[in-house]
Protein backbone atom coordinates (compact mmCIF):
# COMPACT_ATOMS: atom_id res chain seq x y z
CA MET A 1 -28.34 -35.13 -11.12
CA PRO A 2 -26.94 -36.93 -8.25
CA SER A 3 -23.40 -36.95 -7.43
CA ALA A 4 -21.14 -39.84 -8.11
CA PRO A 5 -20.02 -41.65 -4.99
CA SER A 6 -16.74 -41.53 -3.92
CA SER A 7 -13.40 -43.74 -4.05
CA PRO A 8 -13.09 -45.84 -1.28
CA VAL A 9 -10.15 -45.80 -1.90
CA LEU A 10 -8.78 -42.37 -1.29
CA PRO A 11 -9.34 -42.73 2.47
CA LEU A 12 -7.57 -45.79 2.75
CA LEU A 13 -4.50 -44.13 1.06
CA GLY A 14 -4.58 -41.13 3.44
CA ARG A 15 -4.75 -43.69 6.36
CA GLY A 16 -1.80 -45.76 4.99
CA LEU A 17 0.24 -42.44 4.33
CA ALA A 18 -0.54 -41.25 7.70
CA ALA A 19 0.12 -44.98 9.58
CA GLY A 20 3.63 -45.01 7.00
CA GLY A 21 4.74 -41.11 8.28
CA ALA A 22 4.08 -42.12 11.75
CA ALA A 23 6.13 -45.43 11.62
CA GLY A 24 9.11 -44.08 9.84
CA LEU A 25 9.07 -41.05 12.30
CA THR A 26 8.74 -43.24 15.37
CA ALA A 27 11.62 -45.74 13.69
CA GLY A 28 13.48 -42.73 13.47
CA LEU A 29 13.11 -41.37 16.48
CA PHE A 30 13.91 -44.43 18.07
CA SER A 31 17.59 -44.88 15.89
CA LEU A 32 18.31 -41.43 16.62
CA LEU A 33 17.51 -41.20 20.44
CA LEU A 34 18.61 -45.19 21.62
CA ALA A 35 20.01 -47.14 18.73
CA GLU A 36 22.74 -44.24 17.59
CA PRO A 37 24.23 -43.42 21.45
CA LEU A 38 24.81 -47.45 21.90
CA MET A 39 26.50 -47.74 18.60
CA ASP A 40 28.93 -44.48 19.30
CA ARG A 41 29.71 -46.19 22.75
CA ALA A 42 29.97 -49.83 21.35
CA ILE A 43 33.22 -48.44 18.43
CA ARG A 44 34.87 -46.34 21.05
CA ALA A 45 35.49 -49.45 23.90
CA GLU A 46 36.27 -51.39 20.05
CA GLU A 47 38.42 -48.31 19.87
CA LYS A 48 39.86 -48.37 22.96
CA ARG A 49 40.59 -52.51 22.94
CA ALA A 50 42.74 -52.22 19.90
CA ALA A 51 44.81 -49.47 20.57
CA PRO A 52 47.17 -51.38 22.70
CA ARG A 53 47.46 -53.67 20.04
CA SER A 54 48.69 -50.64 17.54
CA THR A 55 50.87 -49.12 19.93
CA ARG A 56 52.65 -52.04 20.47
CA THR A 57 56.22 -53.12 19.23
CA ALA A 58 56.46 -55.54 16.57
CA ARG A 59 59.31 -57.87 16.04
CA PRO A 60 62.50 -56.00 14.34
CA ARG A 61 62.87 -57.27 10.63
CA PRO A 62 66.00 -58.10 9.36
CA SER A 63 68.39 -55.43 7.44
CA SER A 64 69.91 -56.59 4.59
CA THR A 65 73.24 -56.46 6.08
CA THR A 66 72.19 -59.32 8.33
CA LYS A 67 70.92 -61.90 6.13
CA SER A 68 72.81 -62.49 2.67
CA CYS A 69 70.36 -62.48 -0.07
CA SER A 70 71.53 -63.07 -4.03
CA ALA A 71 69.31 -63.00 -6.69
CA ALA A 72 71.92 -64.22 -9.27
CA PRO A 73 72.68 -67.25 -9.82
CA PRO A 74 76.61 -67.96 -8.69
CA SER A 75 78.91 -67.51 -11.28
CA THR A 76 80.35 -70.14 -13.39
CA ALA A 77 83.98 -68.92 -14.41
CA VAL A 78 85.86 -71.59 -15.79
CA SER A 79 89.62 -70.57 -16.80
CA SER A 80 91.27 -72.10 -20.06
């Protein structure tokens, strides 16, 4: 009996799997070795630039003793 011809799809799937794996490893290594250190450096620079803003003293808020504020309407007392 003759053997059944092999499907041409299986070698293509194997090649696609190998190419996808190689591309994934390449992208992961690129990110790990090149992009990640640059991102960390950029974050540190932004934190350093923003640090003086957070340590500045803000204008003092007016306290309740310096500013009169009444929630109730003025009384309308009527004497008889």
